[in-house]
Amino acid sequence: MATILIVEDDPRIAAFVSKGLKKAGYQTQIASDGNQALPSALSGKFDLILLDLGLPEINGREVLKEIRAQAVQIPVVVVTALDNDEVREEILSLGAQAFIAKPFRFNSLLTCVRSHIR
């Protein structure tokens, strides 16, 4: 069973995503800020990371940069309300595998997760 790190500062969104992923057969762990996310992301315990950009402490961009700087190749799917072409291009160039804009349909998120966990 794959394990997914959900990095999201809104507890309602984090709980919604976690509940849906668990129902789909995944294990999840939630980190609510960048300081919690980094050690978890670098631990090697996860098969995929869902990463919000607007995080307290250390923002999602910096988390993604540090993950890639440490040569961690876990798939990262960025899920954020910041939806414009410049942000999308920047995030993908930093090493994210996918970009999903909020609000999103859970089924679309689940399809993306499944496509990046093999």
PDB file of N, CA and C in Angstrom:
ATOM      1  N   MET A   1       0.837  -1.178   0.000  1.00  0.00           N
ATOM      2  CA  MET A   1       0.000   0.000   0.000  1.00  0.00           C
ATOM      3  C   MET A   1       0.885   1.245   0.000  1.00  0.00           C
ATOM      4  N   ALA A   2       0.614   2.161  -0.901  1.00  0.00           N
ATOM      5  CA  ALA A   2       1.409   3.383  -1.027  1.00  0.00           C
ATOM      6  C   ALA A   2       1.073   4.364   0.097  1.00  0.00           C
ATOM      7  N   THR A   3       2.072   5.146   0.471  1.00  0.00           N
ATOM      8  CA  THR A   3       1.912   6.147   1.520  1.00  0.00           C
ATOM      9  C   THR A   3       2.130   7.532   0.922  1.00  0.00           C
ATOM     10  N   ILE A   4       1.205   8.437   1.228  1.00  0.00           N
ATOM     11  CA  ILE A   4       1.216   9.779   0.653  1.00  0.00           C
ATOM     12  C   ILE A   4       1.354  10.815   1.760  1.00  0.00           C
ATOM     13  N   LEU A   5       2.273  11.757   1.567  1.00  0.00           N
ATOM     14  CA  LEU A   5       2.428  12.892   2.467  1.00  0.00           C
ATOM     15  C   LEU A   5       1.583  14.037   1.924  1.00  0.00           C
ATOM     16  N   ILE A   6       0.641  14.496   2.729  1.00  0.00           N
ATOM     17  CA  ILE A   6      -0.221  15.619   2.363  1.00  0.00           C
ATOM     18  C   ILE A   6       0.307  16.843   3.099  1.00  0.00           C
ATOM     19  N   VAL A   7       0.791  17.826   2.352  1.00  0.00           N
ATOM     20  CA  VAL A   7       1.330  19.043   2.952  1.00  0.00           C
ATOM     21  C   VAL A   7       0.337  20.160   2.654  1.00  0.00           C
ATOM     22  N   GLU A   8      -0.472  20.490   3.660  1.00  0.00           N
ATOM     23  CA  GLU A   8      -1.594  21.421   3.485  1.00  0.00           C
ATOM     24  C   GLU A   8      -1.865  22.114   4.813  1.00  0.00           C
ATOM     25  N   ASP A   9      -1.919  23.458   4.790  1.00  0.00           N
ATOM     26  CA  ASP A   9      -2.130  24.196   6.031  1.00  0.00           C
ATOM     27  C   ASP A   9      -3.597  24.361   6.405  1.00  0.00           C
ATOM     28  N   ASP A  10      -4.524  24.120   5.491  1.00  0.00           N
ATOM     29  CA  ASP A  10      -5.952  24.207   5.803  1.00  0.00           C
ATOM     30  C   ASP A  10      -6.409  22.839   6.316  1.00  0.00           C
ATOM     31  N   PRO A  11      -6.758  22.743   7.603  1.00  0.00           N
ATOM     32  CA  PRO A  11      -7.100  21.436   8.161  1.00  0.00           C
ATOM     33  C   PRO A  11      -8.306  20.776   7.496  1.00  0.00           C
ATOM     34  N   ARG A  12      -9.247  21.569   7.006  1.00  0.00           N
ATOM     35  CA  ARG A  12     -10.424  20.985   6.341  1.00  0.00           C
ATOM     36  C   ARG A  12     -10.036  20.328   5.024  1.00  0.00           C
ATOM     37  N   ILE A  13      -9.201  21.000   4.248  1.00  0.00           N
ATOM     38  CA  ILE A  13      -8.757  20.428   2.971  1.00  0.00           C
ATOM     39  C   ILE A  13      -7.896  19.196   3.227  1.00  0.00           C
ATOM     40  N   ALA A  14      -6.989  19.290   4.189  1.00  0.00           N
ATOM     41  CA  ALA A  14      -6.117  18.152   4.504  1.00  0.00           C
ATOM     42  C   ALA A  14      -6.940  16.934   4.922  1.00  0.00           C
ATOM     43  N   ALA A  15      -7.949  17.145   5.766  1.00  0.00           N
ATOM     44  CA  ALA A  15      -8.791  16.033   6.226  1.00  0.00           C
ATOM     45  C   ALA A  15      -9.604  15.446   5.076  1.00  0.00           C
ATOM     46  N   PHE A  16     -10.145  16.310   4.215  1.00  0.00           N
ATOM     47  CA  PHE A  16     -10.924  15.864   3.054  1.00  0.00           C
ATOM     48  C   PHE A  16     -10.075  14.992   2.132  1.00  0.00           C
ATOM     49  N   VAL A  17      -8.878  15.461   1.813  1.00  0.00           N
ATOM     50  CA  VAL A  17      -7.986  14.720   0.915  1.00  0.00           C
ATOM     51  C   VAL A  17      -7.546  13.415   1.571  1.00  0.00           C
ATOM     52  N   SER A  18      -7.172  13.471   2.841  1.00  0.00           N
ATOM     53  CA  SER A  18      -6.730  12.274   3.551  1.00  0.00           C
ATOM     54  C   SER A  18      -7.832  11.222   3.598  1.00  0.00           C
ATOM     55  N   LYS A  19      -9.038  11.638   3.917  1.00  0.00           N
ATOM     56  CA  LYS A  19     -10.165  10.704   3.993  1.00  0.00           C
ATOM     57  C   LYS A  19     -10.401  10.025   2.645  1.00  0.00           C
ATOM     58  N   GLY A  20     -10.393  10.801   1.570  1.00  0.00           N
ATOM     59  CA  GLY A  20     -10.607  10.241   0.238  1.00  0.00           C
ATOM     60  C   GLY A  20      -9.509   9.287  -0.180  1.00  0.00           C
ATOM     61  N   LEU A  21      -8.269   9.642   0.129  1.00  0.00           N
ATOM     62  CA  LEU A  21      -7.145   8.773  -0.234  1.00  0.00           C
ATOM     63  C   LEU A  21      -7.164   7.476   0.574  1.00  0.00           C
ATOM     64  N   LYS A  22      -7.515   7.571   1.849  1.00  0.00           N
ATOM     65  CA  LYS A  22      -7.616   6.357   2.669  1.00  0.00           C
ATOM     66  C   LYS A  22      -8.716   5.444   2.136  1.00  0.00           C
ATOM     67  N   LYS A  23      -9.829   6.044   1.746  1.00  0.00           N
ATOM     68  CA  LYS A  23     -10.936   5.268   1.176  1.00  0.00           C
ATOM     69  C   LYS A  23     -10.498   4.573  -0.117  1.00  0.00           C
ATOM     70  N   ALA A  24      -9.576   5.192  -0.846  1.00  0.00           N
ATOM     71  CA  ALA A  24      -9.055   4.619  -2.094  1.00  0.00           C
ATOM     72  C   ALA A  24      -7.930   3.608  -1.841  1.00  0.00           C
ATOM     73  N   GLY A  25      -7.566   3.392  -0.571  1.00  0.00           N
ATOM     74  CA  GLY A  25      -6.582   2.363  -0.249  1.00  0.00           C
ATOM     75  C   GLY A  25      -5.181   2.848   0.056  1.00  0.00           C
ATOM     76  N   TYR A  26      -4.989   4.157   0.193  1.00  0.00           N
ATOM     77  CA  TYR A  26      -3.665   4.699   0.486  1.00  0.00           C
ATOM     78  C   TYR A  26      -3.523   4.997   1.976  1.00  0.00           C
ATOM     79  N   GLN A  27      -2.286   4.992   2.452  1.00  0.00           N
ATOM     80  CA  GLN A  27      -1.984   5.485   3.787  1.00  0.00           C
ATOM     81  C   GLN A  27      -1.587   6.945   3.634  1.00  0.00           C
ATOM     82  N   THR A  28      -1.909   7.767   4.621  1.00  0.00           N
ATOM     83  CA  THR A  28      -1.569   9.187   4.523  1.00  0.00           C
ATOM     84  C   THR A  28      -0.964   9.691   5.827  1.00  0.00           C
ATOM     85  N   GLN A  29      -0.209  10.760   5.673  1.00  0.00           N
ATOM     86  CA  GLN A  29       0.281  11.531   6.809  1.00  0.00           C
ATOM     87  C   GLN A  29       0.132  12.987   6.411  1.00  0.00           C
ATOM     88  N   ILE A  30      -0.243  13.833   7.365  1.00  0.00           N
ATOM     89  CA  ILE A  30      -0.460  15.251   7.092  1.00  0.00           C
ATOM     90  C   ILE A  30       0.626  16.080   7.770  1.00  0.00           C
ATOM     91  N   ALA A  31       1.159  17.050   7.023  1.00  0.00           N
ATOM     92  CA  ALA A  31       2.056  18.071   7.571  1.00  0.00           C
ATOM     93  C   ALA A  31       1.394  19.414   7.289  1.00  0.00           C
ATOM     94  N   SER A  32       1.300  20.273   8.297  1.00  0.00           N
ATOM     95  CA  SER A  32       0.559  21.524   8.132  1.00  0.00           C
ATOM     96  C   SER A  32       1.432  22.736   7.832  1.00  0.00           C
ATOM     97  N   ASP A  33       2.742  22.557   7.822  1.00  0.00           N
ATOM     98  CA  ASP A  33       3.625  23.665   7.445  1.00  0.00           C
ATOM     99  C   ASP A  33       4.934  23.107   6.885  1.00  0.00           C
ATOM    100  N   GLY A  34       5.735  23.992   6.338  1.00  0.00           N
ATOM    101  CA  GLY A  34       6.978  23.571   5.707  1.00  0.00           C
ATOM    102  C   GLY A  34       7.982  22.958   6.665  1.00  0.00           C
ATOM    103  N   ASN A  35       7.999  23.437   7.911  1.00  0.00           N
ATOM    104  CA  ASN A  35       8.924  22.867   8.898  1.00  0.00           C
ATOM    105  C   ASN A  35       8.597  21.412   9.211  1.00  0.00           C
ATOM    106  N   GLN A  36       7.318  21.068   9.237  1.00  0.00           N
ATOM    107  CA  GLN A  36       6.916  19.668   9.440  1.00  0.00           C
ATOM    108  C   GLN A  36       7.155  18.853   8.176  1.00  0.00           C
ATOM    109  N   ALA A  37       6.933  19.475   7.030  1.00  0.00           N
ATOM    110  CA  ALA A  37       6.984  18.756   5.757  1.00  0.00           C
ATOM    111  C   ALA A  37       8.391  18.307   5.377  1.00  0.00           C
ATOM    112  N   LEU A  38       9.374  19.169   5.567  1.00  0.00           N
ATOM    113  CA  LEU A  38      10.722  18.845   5.079  1.00  0.00           C
ATOM    114  C   LEU A  38      11.313  17.556   5.647  1.00  0.00           C
ATOM    115  N   PRO A  39      11.350  17.372   6.959  1.00  0.00           N
ATOM    116  CA  PRO A  39      11.922  16.118   7.462  1.00  0.00           C
ATOM    117  C   PRO A  39      11.150  14.891   6.971  1.00  0.00           C
ATOM    118  N   SER A  40       9.836  15.009   6.902  1.00  0.00           N
ATOM    119  CA  SER A  40       9.025  13.891   6.413  1.00  0.00           C
ATOM    120  C   SER A  40       9.323  13.603   4.952  1.00  0.00           C
ATOM    121  N   ALA A  41       9.378  14.657   4.153  1.00  0.00           N
ATOM    122  CA  ALA A  41       9.626  14.489   2.719  1.00  0.00           C
ATOM    123  C   ALA A  41      10.995  13.877   2.451  1.00  0.00           C
ATOM    124  N   LEU A  42      11.962  14.221   3.269  1.00  0.00           N
ATOM    125  CA  LEU A  42      13.329  13.727   3.076  1.00  0.00           C
ATOM    126  C   LEU A  42      13.563  12.351   3.710  1.00  0.00           C
ATOM    127  N   SER A  43      12.576  11.844   4.432  1.00  0.00           N
ATOM    128  CA  SER A  43      12.735  10.579   5.162  1.00  0.00           C
ATOM    129  C   SER A  43      12.740   9.344   4.273  1.00  0.00           C
ATOM    130  N   GLY A  44      12.198   9.466   3.068  1.00  0.00           N
ATOM    131  CA  GLY A  44      12.123   8.309   2.177  1.00  0.00           C
ATOM    132  C   GLY A  44      10.969   7.374   2.474  1.00  0.00           C
ATOM    133  N   LYS A  45      10.062   7.762   3.380  1.00  0.00           N
ATOM    134  CA  LYS A  45       8.940   6.905   3.768  1.00  0.00           C
ATOM    135  C   LYS A  45       7.727   7.036   2.848  1.00  0.00           C
ATOM    136  N   PHE A  46       7.756   7.979   1.922  1.00  0.00           N
ATOM    137  CA  PHE A  46       6.555   8.280   1.143  1.00  0.00           C
ATOM    138  C   PHE A  46       6.728   7.938  -0.331  1.00  0.00           C
ATOM    139  N   ASP A  47       5.616   7.572  -0.937  1.00  0.00           N
ATOM    140  CA  ASP A  47       5.596   7.238  -2.359  1.00  0.00           C
ATOM    141  C   ASP A  47       5.196   8.431  -3.215  1.00  0.00           C
ATOM    142  N   LEU A  48       4.589   9.448  -2.591  1.00  0.00           N
ATOM    143  CA  LEU A  48       4.157  10.647  -3.307  1.00  0.00           C
ATOM    144  C   LEU A  48       3.916  11.750  -2.291  1.00  0.00           C
ATOM    145  N   ILE A  49       4.119  12.986  -2.725  1.00  0.00           N
ATOM    146  CA  ILE A  49       3.857  14.150  -1.880  1.00  0.00           C
ATOM    147  C   ILE A  49       2.848  15.042  -2.584  1.00  0.00           C
ATOM    148  N   LEU A  50       1.774  15.400  -1.865  1.00  0.00           N
ATOM    149  CA  LEU A  50       0.841  16.425  -2.323  1.00  0.00           C
ATOM    150  C   LEU A  50       1.234  17.694  -1.581  1.00  0.00           C
ATOM    151  N   LEU A  51       1.606  18.736  -2.313  1.00  0.00           N
ATOM    152  CA  LEU A  51       2.237  19.914  -1.714  1.00  0.00           C
ATOM    153  C   LEU A  51       1.500  21.197  -2.068  1.00  0.00           C
ATOM    154  N   ASP A  52       1.013  21.886  -1.043  1.00  0.00           N
ATOM    155  CA  ASP A  52       0.436  23.216  -1.219  1.00  0.00           C
ATOM    156  C   ASP A  52       1.585  24.227  -1.247  1.00  0.00           C
ATOM    157  N   LEU A  53       1.415  25.316  -1.997  1.00  0.00           N
ATOM    158  CA  LEU A  53       2.466  26.341  -2.041  1.00  0.00           C
ATOM    159  C   LEU A  53       2.357  27.329  -0.888  1.00  0.00           C
ATOM    160  N   GLY A  54       1.135  27.673  -0.491  1.00  0.00           N
ATOM    161  CA  GLY A  54       0.920  28.707   0.519  1.00  0.00           C
ATOM    162  C   GLY A  54       0.990  28.166   1.930  1.00  0.00           C
ATOM    163  N   LEU A  55       2.186  27.805   2.357  1.00  0.00           N
ATOM    164  CA  LEU A  55       2.379  27.221   3.686  1.00  0.00           C
ATOM    165  C   LEU A  55       3.001  28.228   4.638  1.00  0.00           C
ATOM    166  N   PRO A  56       2.666  28.124   5.939  1.00  0.00           N
ATOM    167  CA  PRO A  56       3.383  28.936   6.922  1.00  0.00           C
ATOM    168  C   PRO A  56       4.787  28.372   7.152  1.00  0.00           C
ATOM    169  N   GLU A  57       5.603  29.166   7.784  1.00  0.00           N
ATOM    170  CA  GLU A  57       6.986  28.808   8.109  1.00  0.00           C
ATOM    171  C   GLU A  57       7.852  28.777   6.847  1.00  0.00           C
ATOM    172  N   ILE A  58       7.861  27.668   6.141  1.00  0.00           N
ATOM    173  CA  ILE A  58       8.609  27.537   4.883  1.00  0.00           C
ATOM    174  C   ILE A  58       7.576  27.286   3.795  1.00  0.00           C
ATOM    175  N   ASN A  59       7.555  28.131   2.749  1.00  0.00           N
ATOM    176  CA  ASN A  59       6.517  27.959   1.731  1.00  0.00           C
ATOM    177  C   ASN A  59       6.782  26.735   0.857  1.00  0.00           C
ATOM    178  N   GLY A  60       5.764  26.342   0.115  1.00  0.00           N
ATOM    179  CA  GLY A  60       5.841  25.138  -0.700  1.00  0.00           C
ATOM    180  C   GLY A  60       6.920  25.164  -1.764  1.00  0.00           C
ATOM    181  N   ARG A  61       7.186  26.340  -2.338  1.00  0.00           N
ATOM    182  CA  ARG A  61       8.269  26.452  -3.330  1.00  0.00           C
ATOM    183  C   ARG A  61       9.601  26.045  -2.710  1.00  0.00           C
ATOM    184  N   GLU A  62       9.853  26.574  -1.514  1.00  0.00           N
ATOM    185  CA  GLU A  62      11.117  26.279  -0.831  1.00  0.00           C
ATOM    186  C   GLU A  62      11.198  24.812  -0.425  1.00  0.00           C
ATOM    187  N   VAL A  63      10.077  24.247  -0.019  1.00  0.00           N
ATOM    188  CA  VAL A  63      10.052  22.814   0.308  1.00  0.00           C
ATOM    189  C   VAL A  63      10.412  22.005  -0.933  1.00  0.00           C
ATOM    190  N   LEU A  64       9.790  22.330  -2.059  1.00  0.00           N
ATOM    191  CA  LEU A  64      10.070  21.619  -3.308  1.00  0.00           C
ATOM    192  C   LEU A  64      11.535  21.776  -3.715  1.00  0.00           C
ATOM    193  N   LYS A  65      12.059  22.994  -3.622  1.00  0.00           N
ATOM    194  CA  LYS A  65      13.469  23.221  -3.967  1.00  0.00           C
ATOM    195  C   LYS A  65      14.397  22.370  -3.104  1.00  0.00           C
ATOM    196  N   GLU A  66      14.117  22.309  -1.807  1.00  0.00           N
ATOM    197  CA  GLU A  66      14.974  21.538  -0.900  1.00  0.00           C
ATOM    198  C   GLU A  66      14.859  20.038  -1.162  1.00  0.00           C
ATOM    199  N   ILE A  67      13.661  19.566  -1.449  1.00  0.00           N
ATOM    200  CA  ILE A  67      13.485  18.143  -1.781  1.00  0.00           C
ATOM    201  C   ILE A  67      14.350  17.789  -2.983  1.00  0.00           C
ATOM    202  N   ARG A  68      14.295  18.608  -4.021  1.00  0.00           N
ATOM    203  CA  ARG A  68      15.070  18.322  -5.230  1.00  0.00           C
ATOM    204  C   ARG A  68      16.563  18.568  -5.018  1.00  0.00           C
ATOM    205  N   ALA A  69      16.926  19.549  -4.184  1.00  0.00           N
ATOM    206  CA  ALA A  69      18.345  19.804  -3.894  1.00  0.00           C
ATOM    207  C   ALA A  69      18.977  18.610  -3.182  1.00  0.00           C
ATOM    208  N   GLN A  70      18.179  17.879  -2.411  1.00  0.00           N
ATOM    209  CA  GLN A  70      18.664  16.691  -1.703  1.00  0.00           C
ATOM    210  C   GLN A  70      18.577  15.437  -2.570  1.00  0.00           C
ATOM    211  N   ALA A  71      18.243  15.626  -3.843  1.00  0.00           N
ATOM    212  CA  ALA A  71      18.156  14.529  -4.826  1.00  0.00           C
ATOM    213  C   ALA A  71      17.094  13.491  -4.480  1.00  0.00           C
ATOM    214  N   VAL A  72      16.062  13.919  -3.767  1.00  0.00           N
ATOM    215  CA  VAL A  72      14.937  13.034  -3.464  1.00  0.00           C
ATOM    216  C   VAL A  72      14.031  13.024  -4.690  1.00  0.00           C
ATOM    217  N   GLN A  73      13.778  11.841  -5.214  1.00  0.00           N
ATOM    218  CA  GLN A  73      13.027  11.720  -6.465  1.00  0.00           C
ATOM    219  C   GLN A  73      11.578  11.278  -6.269  1.00  0.00           C
ATOM    220  N   ILE A  74      11.022  11.482  -5.094  1.00  0.00           N
ATOM    221  CA  ILE A  74       9.616  11.180  -4.843  1.00  0.00           C
ATOM    222  C   ILE A  74       8.767  12.068  -5.755  1.00  0.00           C
ATOM    223  N   PRO A  75       7.738  11.512  -6.392  1.00  0.00           N
ATOM    224  CA  PRO A  75       6.846  12.364  -7.182  1.00  0.00           C
ATOM    225  C   PRO A  75       6.170  13.410  -6.290  1.00  0.00           C
ATOM    226  N   VAL A  76       6.136  14.643  -6.777  1.00  0.00           N
ATOM    227  CA  VAL A  76       5.490  15.743  -6.065  1.00  0.00           C
ATOM    228  C   VAL A  76       4.391  16.307  -6.953  1.00  0.00           C
ATOM    229  N   VAL A  77       3.180  16.354  -6.396  1.00  0.00           N
ATOM    230  CA  VAL A  77       2.046  16.970  -7.075  1.00  0.00           C
ATOM    231  C   VAL A  77       1.706  18.226  -6.285  1.00  0.00           C
ATOM    232  N   VAL A  78       1.820  19.378  -6.925  1.00  0.00           N
ATOM    233  CA  VAL A  78       1.508  20.643  -6.272  1.00  0.00           C
ATOM    234  C   VAL A  78       0.016  20.906  -6.426  1.00  0.00           C
ATOM    235  N   VAL A  79      -0.635  21.187  -5.294  1.00  0.00           N
ATOM    236  CA  VAL A  79      -2.066  21.485  -5.257  1.00  0.00           C
ATOM    237  C   VAL A  79      -2.189  22.866  -4.626  1.00  0.00           C
ATOM    238  N   THR A  80      -2.593  23.871  -5.415  1.00  0.00           N
ATOM    239  CA  THR A  80      -2.560  25.242  -4.914  1.00  0.00           C
ATOM    240  C   THR A  80      -3.633  26.123  -5.535  1.00  0.00           C
ATOM    241  N   ALA A  81      -3.965  27.193  -4.823  1.00  0.00           N
ATOM    242  CA  ALA A  81      -4.903  28.188  -5.338  1.00  0.00           C
ATOM    243  C   ALA A  81      -4.208  29.167  -6.278  1.00  0.00           C
ATOM    244  N   LEU A  82      -2.892  29.160  -6.313  1.00  0.00           N
ATOM    245  CA  LEU A  82      -2.134  30.049  -7.197  1.00  0.00           C
ATOM    246  C   LEU A  82      -2.117  29.450  -8.600  1.00  0.00           C
ATOM    247  N   ASP A  83      -3.098  29.823  -9.406  1.00  0.00           N
ATOM    248  CA  ASP A  83      -3.235  29.192 -10.719  1.00  0.00           C
ATOM    249  C   ASP A  83      -3.039  30.202 -11.839  1.00  0.00           C
ATOM    250  N   ASN A  84      -1.816  30.296 -12.316  1.00  0.00           N
ATOM    251  CA  ASN A  84      -1.550  31.060 -13.531  1.00  0.00           C
ATOM    252  C   ASN A  84      -0.380  30.400 -14.247  1.00  0.00           C
ATOM    253  N   ASP A  85      -0.199  30.754 -15.503  1.00  0.00           N
ATOM    254  CA  ASP A  85       0.811  30.082 -16.321  1.00  0.00           C
ATOM    255  C   ASP A  85       2.221  30.227 -15.767  1.00  0.00           C
ATOM    256  N   GLU A  86       2.554  31.398 -15.223  1.00  0.00           N
ATOM    257  CA  GLU A  86       3.903  31.614 -14.709  1.00  0.00           C
ATOM    258  C   GLU A  86       4.196  30.701 -13.519  1.00  0.00           C
ATOM    259  N   VAL A  87       3.245  30.621 -12.598  1.00  0.00           N
ATOM    260  CA  VAL A  87       3.431  29.764 -11.424  1.00  0.00           C
ATOM    261  C   VAL A  87       3.515  28.308 -11.857  1.00  0.00           C
ATOM    262  N   ARG A  88       2.629  27.897 -12.733  1.00  0.00           N
ATOM    263  CA  ARG A  88       2.615  26.515 -13.232  1.00  0.00           C
ATOM    264  C   ARG A  88       3.968  26.160 -13.862  1.00  0.00           C
ATOM    265  N   GLU A  89       4.468  27.027 -14.733  1.00  0.00           N
ATOM    266  CA  GLU A  89       5.759  26.776 -15.392  1.00  0.00           C
ATOM    267  C   GLU A  89       6.902  26.720 -14.379  1.00  0.00           C
ATOM    268  N   GLU A  90       6.895  27.642 -13.421  1.00  0.00           N
ATOM    269  CA  GLU A  90       7.947  27.660 -12.402  1.00  0.00           C
ATOM    270  C   GLU A  90       7.949  26.368 -11.589  1.00  0.00           C
ATOM    271  N   ILE A  91       6.780  25.953 -11.142  1.00  0.00           N
ATOM    272  CA  ILE A  91       6.677  24.767 -10.290  1.00  0.00           C
ATOM    273  C   ILE A  91       7.111  23.516 -11.037  1.00  0.00           C
ATOM    274  N   LEU A  92       6.693  23.390 -12.275  1.00  0.00           N
ATOM    275  CA  LEU A  92       7.101  22.224 -13.063  1.00  0.00           C
ATOM    276  C   LEU A  92       8.602  22.256 -13.338  1.00  0.00           C
ATOM    277  N   SER A  93       9.158  23.456 -13.551  1.00  0.00           N
ATOM    278  CA  SER A  93      10.604  23.548 -13.794  1.00  0.00           C
ATOM    279  C   SER A  93      11.417  23.250 -12.530  1.00  0.00           C
ATOM    280  N   LEU A  94      10.802  23.423 -11.362  1.00  0.00           N
ATOM    281  CA  LEU A  94      11.482  23.102 -10.098  1.00  0.00           C
ATOM    282  C   LEU A  94      11.457  21.606  -9.788  1.00  0.00           C
ATOM    283  N   GLY A  95      10.713  20.845 -10.587  1.00  0.00           N
ATOM    284  CA  GLY A  95      10.737  19.394 -10.408  1.00  0.00           C
ATOM    285  C   GLY A  95       9.456  18.737  -9.968  1.00  0.00           C
ATOM    286  N   ALA A  96       8.361  19.491  -9.904  1.00  0.00           N
ATOM    287  CA  ALA A  96       7.075  18.853  -9.598  1.00  0.00           C
ATOM    288  C   ALA A  96       6.614  18.053 -10.810  1.00  0.00           C
ATOM    289  N   GLN A  97       5.935  16.946 -10.556  1.00  0.00           N
ATOM    290  CA  GLN A  97       5.437  16.121 -11.650  1.00  0.00           C
ATOM    291  C   GLN A  97       4.106  16.628 -12.195  1.00  0.00           C
ATOM    292  N   ALA A  98       3.332  17.303 -11.355  1.00  0.00           N
ATOM    293  CA  ALA A  98       2.014  17.775 -11.788  1.00  0.00           C
ATOM    294  C   ALA A  98       1.611  18.981 -10.957  1.00  0.00           C
ATOM    295  N   PHE A  99       0.621  19.697 -11.473  1.00  0.00           N
ATOM    296  CA  PHE A  99       0.120  20.922 -10.858  1.00  0.00           C
ATOM    297  C   PHE A  99      -1.399  20.857 -10.920  1.00  0.00           C
ATOM    298  N   ILE A 100      -2.062  20.921  -9.780  1.00  0.00           N
ATOM    299  CA  ILE A 100      -3.522  20.898  -9.728  1.00  0.00           C
ATOM    300  C   ILE A 100      -3.984  22.172  -9.038  1.00  0.00           C
ATOM    301  N   ALA A 101      -4.895  22.895  -9.701  1.00  0.00           N
ATOM    302  CA  ALA A 101      -5.401  24.149  -9.154  1.00  0.00           C
ATOM    303  C   ALA A 101      -6.582  23.897  -8.222  1.00  0.00           C
ATOM    304  N   LYS A 102      -6.618  24.648  -7.132  1.00  0.00           N
ATOM    305  CA  LYS A 102      -7.774  24.638  -6.233  1.00  0.00           C
ATOM    306  C   LYS A 102      -8.771  25.662  -6.759  1.00  0.00           C
ATOM    307  N   PRO A 103     -10.039  25.426  -6.646  1.00  0.00           N
ATOM    308  CA  PRO A 103     -10.668  24.200  -6.160  1.00  0.00           C
ATOM    309  C   PRO A 103     -10.538  23.082  -7.186  1.00  0.00           C
ATOM    310  N   PHE A 104     -10.568  21.853  -6.717  1.00  0.00           N
ATOM    311  CA  PHE A 104     -10.414  20.699  -7.600  1.00  0.00           C
ATOM    312  C   PHE A 104     -11.473  19.656  -7.261  1.00  0.00           C
ATOM    313  N   ARG A 105     -11.706  18.769  -8.200  1.00  0.00           N
ATOM    314  CA  ARG A 105     -12.575  17.618  -7.950  1.00  0.00           C
ATOM    315  C   ARG A 105     -11.692  16.505  -7.413  1.00  0.00           C
ATOM    316  N   PHE A 106     -12.157  15.826  -6.366  1.00  0.00           N
ATOM    317  CA  PHE A 106     -11.337  14.784  -5.768  1.00  0.00           C
ATOM    318  C   PHE A 106     -10.983  13.704  -6.783  1.00  0.00           C
ATOM    319  N   ASN A 107     -11.911  13.338  -7.651  1.00  0.00           N
ATOM    320  CA  ASN A 107     -11.621  12.291  -8.642  1.00  0.00           C
ATOM    321  C   ASN A 107     -10.464  12.682  -9.550  1.00  0.00           C
ATOM    322  N   SER A 108     -10.354  13.961  -9.885  1.00  0.00           N
ATOM    323  CA  SER A 108      -9.225  14.422 -10.702  1.00  0.00           C
ATOM    324  C   SER A 108      -7.916  14.284  -9.934  1.00  0.00           C
ATOM    325  N   LEU A 109      -7.945  14.633  -8.662  1.00  0.00           N
ATOM    326  CA  LEU A 109      -6.756  14.482  -7.819  1.00  0.00           C
ATOM    327  C   LEU A 109      -6.372  13.008  -7.707  1.00  0.00           C
ATOM    328  N   LEU A 110      -7.353  12.151  -7.490  1.00  0.00           N
ATOM    329  CA  LEU A 110      -7.087  10.719  -7.351  1.00  0.00           C
ATOM    330  C   LEU A 110      -6.502  10.137  -8.635  1.00  0.00           C
ATOM    331  N   THR A 111      -7.014  10.554  -9.777  1.00  0.00           N
ATOM    332  CA  THR A 111      -6.469  10.095 -11.058  1.00  0.00           C
ATOM    333  C   THR A 111      -5.007  10.501 -11.189  1.00  0.00           C
ATOM    334  N   CYS A 112      -4.697  11.723 -10.805  1.00  0.00           N
ATOM    335  CA  CYS A 112      -3.317  12.216 -10.860  1.00  0.00           C
ATOM    336  C   CYS A 112      -2.424  11.416  -9.915  1.00  0.00           C
ATOM    337  N   VAL A 113      -2.889  11.182  -8.705  1.00  0.00           N
ATOM    338  CA  VAL A 113      -2.120  10.398  -7.729  1.00  0.00           C
ATOM    339  C   VAL A 113      -1.825   9.012  -8.291  1.00  0.00           C
ATOM    340  N   ARG A 114      -2.847   8.357  -8.793  1.00  0.00           N
ATOM    341  CA  ARG A 114      -2.670   6.999  -9.329  1.00  0.00           C
ATOM    342  C   ARG A 114      -1.679   6.971 -10.489  1.00  0.00           C
ATOM    343  N   SER A 115      -1.698   8.010 -11.311  1.00  0.00           N
ATOM    344  CA  SER A 115      -0.801   8.022 -12.473  1.00  0.00           C
ATOM    345  C   SER A 115       0.665   8.212 -12.082  1.00  0.00           C
ATOM    346  N   HIS A 116       0.911   8.762 -10.895  1.00  0.00           N
ATOM    347  CA  HIS A 116       2.289   9.008 -10.465  1.00  0.00           C
ATOM    348  C   HIS A 116       2.815   7.995  -9.452  1.00  0.00           C
ATOM    349  N   ILE A 117       1.942   7.103  -8.983  1.00  0.00           N
ATOM    350  CA  ILE A 117       2.390   6.027  -8.098  1.00  0.00           C
ATOM    351  C   ILE A 117       2.329   4.739  -8.894  1.00  0.00           C
ATOM    352  N   ARG A 118       3.464   4.138  -9.090  1.00  0.00           N
ATOM    353  CA  ARG A 118       3.516   2.892  -9.881  1.00  0.00           C
ATOM    354  C   ARG A 118       4.084   1.795  -9.022  1.00  0.00           C
TER     355      ARG A 118
END
